[in-house]
């Protein structure tokens, strides 16, 4: 069912984050909206830690999520500067 209600969209994204955390033993998950020219901001997160990490990436304009997006979704565990918060 399609809905134009922004809150319904956020709730769906929160369910996606929660499902990801259940499937992959990570600390958290978040969704940040981006396009080719702009990082829009946090759309959903599953934990307070995820909120802080996603917002920090938006504020700094860099981080594992932005790197993965910029590279077309490809990422590398060999980027030591992102530590355990890396996108893959």
Protein backbone atom coordinates (compact mmCIF):
# COMPACT_ATOMS: atom_id res chain seq x y z
CA UNK A 1 0.00 0.00 0.00
CA UNK A 2 1.42 3.36 -1.07
CA UNK A 3 1.09 6.37 1.17
CA UNK A 4 2.18 9.96 0.73
CA UNK A 5 2.09 10.46 4.51
CA UNK A 6 5.66 11.32 5.61
CA UNK A 7 5.16 9.71 9.03
CA UNK A 8 4.11 6.43 7.39
CA UNK A 9 7.26 6.54 5.25
CA UNK A 10 9.43 7.14 8.33
CA UNK A 11 7.73 4.24 10.13
CA UNK A 12 8.47 1.93 7.17
CA UNK A 13 12.11 3.03 7.18
CA UNK A 14 12.32 2.42 10.93
CA UNK A 15 10.99 -1.12 10.36
CA UNK A 16 13.66 -1.65 7.68
CA UNK A 17 16.34 -0.50 10.15
CA UNK A 18 14.99 -2.80 12.86
CA UNK A 19 14.92 -5.75 10.45
CA UNK A 20 18.51 -5.05 9.43
CA UNK A 21 19.65 -5.04 13.05
CA UNK A 22 17.88 -8.36 13.65
CA UNK A 23 19.48 -9.88 10.53
CA UNK A 24 22.98 -8.50 11.03
CA UNK A 25 24.51 -8.34 14.51
CA UNK A 26 25.40 -4.65 14.44
CA UNK A 27 24.96 -1.91 17.02
CA UNK A 28 22.35 -0.05 14.99
CA UNK A 29 21.11 1.14 11.64
CA UNK A 30 19.98 4.41 10.15
CA UNK A 31 18.72 5.87 6.90
CA UNK A 32 19.98 9.21 5.64
CA UNK A 33 18.38 10.77 2.57
CA UNK A 34 20.84 11.78 -0.15
CA UNK A 35 20.95 12.59 -3.83
CA UNK A 36 23.81 13.42 -6.17
CA UNK A 37 24.14 17.00 -4.92
CA UNK A 38 22.81 17.06 -1.38
CA UNK A 39 22.83 15.10 1.87
CA UNK A 40 19.32 15.76 3.13
CA UNK A 41 19.47 14.41 6.63
CA UNK A 42 18.37 11.61 8.88
CA UNK A 43 15.12 9.91 7.90
CA UNK A 44 15.03 7.03 10.40
CA UNK A 45 17.19 5.25 12.95
CA UNK A 46 16.79 2.30 15.25
CA UNK A 47 18.70 3.58 18.29
CA UNK A 48 19.99 6.79 19.88
CA UNK A 49 23.54 5.80 18.91
CA UNK A 50 22.45 5.40 15.29
CA UNK A 51 20.84 8.85 15.35
CA UNK A 52 24.07 10.45 16.62
CA UNK A 53 26.26 8.64 14.07
CA UNK A 54 24.01 9.48 11.12
CA UNK A 55 23.64 13.13 12.18
CA UNK A 56 27.39 13.42 12.66
CA UNK A 57 27.97 12.21 9.10
CA UNK A 58 25.45 14.77 7.80
CA UNK A 59 27.08 17.56 9.81
CA UNK A 60 30.62 16.67 8.74
CA UNK A 61 29.69 15.81 5.16
CA UNK A 62 31.70 12.61 5.38
CA UNK A 63 31.45 9.14 6.83
CA UNK A 64 30.87 5.53 5.81
CA UNK A 65 27.29 6.08 4.59
CA UNK A 66 28.26 9.05 2.46
CA UNK A 67 31.29 7.18 1.11
CA UNK A 68 29.15 4.15 0.19
CA UNK A 69 26.59 6.38 -1.53
CA UNK A 70 29.28 8.34 -3.39
CA UNK A 71 30.88 5.14 -4.66
CA UNK A 72 27.59 3.73 -5.93
CA UNK A 73 27.02 1.52 -2.91
CA UNK A 74 30.44 -0.07 -3.01
CA UNK A 75 32.43 0.06 0.17
CA UNK A 76 35.55 -1.41 1.61
CA UNK A 77 36.33 -2.73 5.04
CA UNK A 78 39.87 -1.52 4.42
CA UNK A 79 38.99 2.08 5.29
CA UNK A 80 40.48 2.20 8.80
CA UNK A 81 39.26 5.71 9.61
CA UNK A 82 35.63 4.54 9.90
CA UNK A 83 36.41 1.71 12.31
CA UNK A 84 33.47 -0.45 13.38
CA UNK A 85 30.92 2.05 12.05
CA UNK A 86 31.75 1.21 8.44
CA UNK A 87 28.96 0.54 5.96
CA UNK A 88 29.87 -3.05 5.15
